[in-house]
Protein backbone atom coordinates (compact mmCIF):
# COMPACT_ATOMS: atom_id res chain seq x y z
CA MET A 1 25.68 13.20 -9.47
CA THR A 2 26.01 13.06 -5.69
CA ARG A 3 25.39 10.09 -3.48
CA SER A 4 22.56 10.50 -1.00
CA ARG A 5 23.35 11.12 2.65
CA ALA A 6 19.66 11.14 3.50
CA VAL A 7 18.39 8.98 6.32
CA ALA A 8 17.05 5.58 5.23
CA PRO A 9 13.35 4.86 5.73
CA LEU A 10 12.39 3.29 9.03
CA PRO A 11 11.01 -0.26 8.96
CA PRO A 12 7.33 -0.53 9.84
CA ALA A 13 6.49 -1.66 13.36
CA SER A 14 5.04 -5.18 13.36
CA PRO A 15 1.45 -5.94 14.37
CA ASP A 16 1.08 -6.89 18.03
CA LEU A 17 -1.33 -9.82 18.23
CA PRO A 18 -2.31 -11.94 21.25
CA ALA A 19 -1.17 -15.56 21.36
CA THR A 20 -4.74 -16.85 21.05
CA LEU A 21 -7.47 -15.56 18.74
CA ASP A 22 -11.18 -16.37 18.86
CA PRO A 23 -12.28 -17.80 15.47
CA LEU A 24 -15.16 -16.07 13.68
CA THR A 25 -16.84 -19.03 12.01
CA SER A 26 -19.47 -17.27 9.89
CA ALA A 27 -19.86 -13.93 8.19
CA PRO A 28 -21.72 -11.39 10.36
CA ASP A 29 -25.08 -10.23 9.07
CA GLU A 30 -24.17 -6.58 9.64
CA LEU A 31 -20.70 -5.17 9.00
CA ARG A 32 -21.50 -1.46 9.25
CA GLY A 33 -19.87 -0.09 12.41
CA LEU A 34 -18.93 -3.60 13.57
CA ALA A 35 -16.01 -3.91 16.02
CA LEU A 36 -13.84 -7.02 15.80
CA GLU A 37 -11.10 -7.57 18.37
CA GLU A 38 -8.79 -10.54 18.92
CA ARG A 39 -10.55 -12.52 16.20
CA LEU A 40 -9.41 -14.99 13.54
CA LEU A 41 -11.24 -14.76 10.22
CA HIS A 42 -10.50 -17.68 7.90
CA GLY A 43 -11.93 -18.07 4.40
CA LEU A 44 -14.96 -15.86 5.00
CA ASP A 45 -16.78 -14.30 2.04
CA LEU A 46 -17.42 -10.64 2.87
CA SER A 47 -17.53 -9.51 -0.76
CA ASN A 48 -20.01 -6.95 -2.10
CA ARG A 49 -20.97 -5.90 1.42
CA THR A 50 -21.54 -2.54 3.07
CA ALA A 51 -19.01 -2.15 5.88
CA HIS A 52 -18.81 1.56 6.66
CA ASP A 53 -16.67 2.35 9.72
CA LEU A 54 -15.72 -1.29 10.32
CA ARG A 55 -13.19 -1.50 13.18
CA VAL A 56 -10.68 -4.35 13.48
CA ALA A 57 -7.99 -4.69 16.16
CA GLU A 58 -5.48 -7.37 17.13
CA SER A 59 -6.86 -9.81 14.57
CA ARG A 60 -5.84 -12.05 11.70
CA PHE A 61 -7.46 -12.46 8.28
CA GLU A 62 -6.69 -15.59 6.26
CA GLY A 63 -8.07 -15.89 2.73
CA VAL A 64 -10.89 -13.44 3.44
CA ASP A 65 -12.77 -12.08 0.40
CA LEU A 66 -13.58 -8.36 0.71
CA SER A 67 -13.74 -7.71 -3.03
CA SER A 68 -16.08 -4.93 -4.18
CA SER A 69 -17.14 -4.16 -0.61
CA ALA A 70 -17.71 -0.58 0.54
CA ALA A 71 -15.71 -0.03 3.72
CA PRO A 72 -14.98 3.71 3.90
CA GLY A 73 -13.69 4.76 7.28
CA LEU A 74 -12.24 1.31 7.96
CA SER A 75 -10.00 1.23 11.04
CA MET A 76 -7.38 -1.51 11.42
CA ARG A 77 -4.84 -1.70 14.23
CA ASP A 78 -2.45 -4.61 14.84
CA VAL A 79 -3.83 -6.79 12.05
CA VAL A 80 -2.25 -9.46 9.82
CA VAL A 81 -3.89 -10.17 6.45
CA LEU A 82 -2.82 -13.28 4.54
CA GLU A 83 -3.96 -13.77 0.93
CA GLY A 84 -7.57 -13.29 -0.09
CA SER A 85 -9.08 -10.83 -2.56
CA TRP A 86 -9.78 -7.20 -1.76
CA ALA A 87 -10.10 -6.24 -5.43
CA GLY A 88 -12.21 -3.16 -5.98
CA VAL A 89 -12.72 -2.56 -2.26
CA ASN A 90 -13.54 1.00 -1.19
CA LEU A 91 -11.33 1.98 1.75
CA ASP A 92 -11.75 5.73 1.43
CA ALA A 93 -10.49 7.56 4.53
CA ALA A 94 -9.28 4.28 6.07
CA ARG A 95 -6.92 4.29 9.04
CA LEU A 96 -4.39 1.44 9.12
CA GLU A 97 -1.82 1.18 11.89
CA ARG A 98 0.61 -1.72 12.36
CA VAL A 99 -0.97 -3.78 9.59
CA GLU A 100 0.77 -6.43 7.49
CA LEU A 101 -0.72 -7.65 4.21
CA ARG A 102 0.83 -10.61 2.40
CA GLY A 103 -0.29 -12.04 -0.94
CA VAL A 104 -3.46 -9.93 -0.96
CA ARG A 105 -5.09 -8.91 -4.23
CA LEU A 106 -6.04 -5.21 -4.10
CA THR A 107 -6.49 -4.58 -7.82
CA GLY A 108 -8.51 -1.40 -8.30
CA GLY A 109 -8.75 -0.80 -4.56
CA VAL A 110 -9.64 2.71 -3.40
CA LEU A 111 -7.46 4.01 -0.57
CA THR A 112 -8.06 7.71 -1.13
CA SER A 113 -7.49 10.09 1.78
CA ALA A 114 -6.28 7.14 3.85
CA ALA A 115 -3.72 7.23 6.67
CA LEU A 116 -1.30 4.30 6.61
CA THR A 117 1.18 4.09 9.48
CA ASP A 118 3.56 1.15 9.98
CA VAL A 119 2.01 -0.87 7.14
CA SER A 120 3.65 -3.62 5.07
CA PHE A 121 2.47 -4.84 1.67
CA VAL A 122 4.37 -8.00 0.70
CA ASP A 123 3.82 -9.81 -2.62
CA CYS A 124 0.52 -8.00 -3.08
CA ARG A 125 -1.22 -7.10 -6.33
CA ILE A 126 -2.16 -3.43 -6.02
CA ASP A 127 -2.39 -2.49 -9.69
CA LEU A 128 -4.89 0.20 -10.70
CA ALA A 129 -5.33 1.11 -7.02
CA SER A 130 -5.76 4.69 -5.85
CA PHE A 131 -3.78 6.28 -3.02
CA ARG A 132 -4.89 9.79 -3.96
CA PHE A 133 -4.47 12.33 -1.13
CA SER A 134 -3.30 9.60 1.24
CA GLU A 135 -0.57 9.86 3.87
CA LEU A 136 1.89 6.97 4.15
CA LEU A 137 4.30 6.84 7.10
CA ASN A 138 6.74 3.97 7.68
CA VAL A 139 5.23 1.90 4.87
CA ARG A 140 6.92 -0.93 2.97
CA PHE A 141 5.96 -2.28 -0.45
CA GLU A 142 7.94 -5.45 -1.20
CA GLY A 143 7.53 -7.46 -4.40
CA CYS A 144 4.24 -5.74 -5.19
CA ARG A 145 2.51 -5.06 -8.50
CA LEU A 146 1.64 -1.37 -8.59
CA GLU A 147 1.10 -0.88 -12.33
CA GLU A 148 -1.05 2.19 -13.03
CA ALA A 149 -1.46 2.91 -9.32
CA ASP A 150 -2.43 6.52 -8.62
CA PHE A 151 -0.51 8.46 -5.95
CA TYR A 152 -1.92 11.89 -6.82
CA GLU A 153 -1.07 14.38 -4.06
CA ALA A 154 -0.05 11.52 -1.74
CA LYS A 155 2.48 12.19 1.01
CA LEU A 156 5.00 9.37 1.35
CA THR A 157 7.28 9.61 4.39
CA SER A 158 9.75 6.85 5.29
CA VAL A 159 8.44 4.60 2.50
CA LEU A 160 10.41 1.73 0.95
CA LEU A 161 9.46 0.26 -2.43
CA SER A 162 11.52 -2.85 -3.10
CA GLY A 163 11.20 -5.10 -6.14
CA CYS A 164 7.92 -3.46 -7.18
CA ASP A 165 6.45 -2.83 -10.62
CA LEU A 166 5.48 0.85 -10.89
CA SER A 167 4.99 0.83 -14.66
CA ARG A 168 2.57 3.56 -15.77
CA ALA A 169 1.90 4.55 -12.16
CA SER A 170 1.07 8.22 -11.59
CA LEU A 171 2.98 10.40 -9.12
CA ALA A 172 1.35 13.72 -9.96
CA GLY A 173 1.63 16.00 -6.95
CA ALA A 174 3.13 13.26 -4.77
CA THR A 175 5.89 14.09 -2.29
CA PHE A 176 8.59 11.77 -0.94
CA VAL A 177 10.52 12.27 2.29
CA ARG A 178 13.14 9.85 3.67
CA SER A 179 12.02 7.26 1.10
CA GLU A 180 13.78 4.70 -1.06
CA LEU A 181 13.27 2.68 -4.25
CA ARG A 182 15.18 -0.56 -4.83
CA GLY A 183 14.92 -2.84 -7.86
CA CYS A 184 11.66 -1.29 -9.10
CA ARG A 185 10.33 -1.15 -12.66
CA LEU A 186 9.60 2.44 -13.66
CA GLU A 187 8.63 2.16 -17.34
CA ALA A 188 6.31 4.95 -18.47
CA LEU A 189 6.11 6.28 -14.91
CA GLY A 190 3.91 9.35 -14.79
CA ASN A 191 5.43 12.54 -13.36
CA PRO A 192 8.81 10.98 -12.53
CA GLU A 193 10.06 14.40 -11.42
CA ARG A 194 8.12 13.82 -8.20
CA LEU A 195 10.78 11.25 -7.24
CA ARG A 196 13.04 14.13 -6.32
CA GLY A 197 14.81 13.36 -3.04
CA VAL A 198 14.30 9.58 -3.00
CA ARG A 199 17.23 7.21 -2.41
CA MET A 200 18.11 4.69 -5.15
CA PRO A 201 21.09 2.33 -5.63
CA MET A 202 23.38 3.37 -8.48
CA PRO A 203 22.56 0.30 -10.65
CA ASP A 204 18.87 1.20 -10.39
CA VAL A 205 19.62 4.79 -11.40
CA VAL A 206 21.48 3.57 -14.48
CA GLN A 207 18.67 1.18 -15.41
CA ALA A 208 16.09 3.96 -15.07
CA ALA A 209 18.20 6.50 -16.95
CA ASP A 210 15.49 7.17 -19.53
CA VAL A 211 12.91 7.91 -16.81
CA ILE A 212 15.33 10.15 -14.93
CA ALA A 213 16.32 11.93 -18.14
CA ALA A 214 12.67 12.60 -18.95
CA ALA A 215 12.16 14.02 -15.47
CA ALA A 216 15.12 16.36 -16.01
CA GLY A 217 13.94 17.37 -19.48
CA ILE A 218 16.90 15.73 -21.22
CA GLU A 219 16.31 14.62 -24.80
CA ILE A 220 18.05 11.34 -25.55
CA VAL A 221 19.52 11.05 -29.05
CA GLU A 222 21.05 8.14 -30.95
């Protein structure tokens, strides 16, 4: 076994927000095609809404509920999202650039065919979520729950997964470039052979020996 000389993933660029944000005190009547810029959204209930092509820039979400909303085509640039539930949200074909999400619940979220550039997920629950056909560039997952997440045909470039639970996640058709896994749970990981080329610390490799053996077609005997 050789030690990797591959280049480590780049850290995501941080969101660039103005010093002062204009509070949005009530939920807008119409979210479809709405443009929000330099706004602070705190504790708003935007669940079960139609929000196609919603555009958000240089803004901050705090405890906002977007659960079960349909927001395909969402565009976010320079946005910080703190807590709140986005469970079951539909973000098909979303475009996220310089976005940081902390403590957000995204269980069952749909991020198919999305483009994520310079995005951080920290202490988020993203289990059962779909990243099918998505492109991730300079993305960090730290301390996230990703059980049964679906990365079918996703392209992950310069992605770091640190302290995440990837149990029963699916990597069918996924490709990794300049990416790294650290301290992740990989039990029953689907299509582990797609991890080819990722960087992992030696202790993690030893701990995931059964997954790596399965990927290599090695039969473990007593």
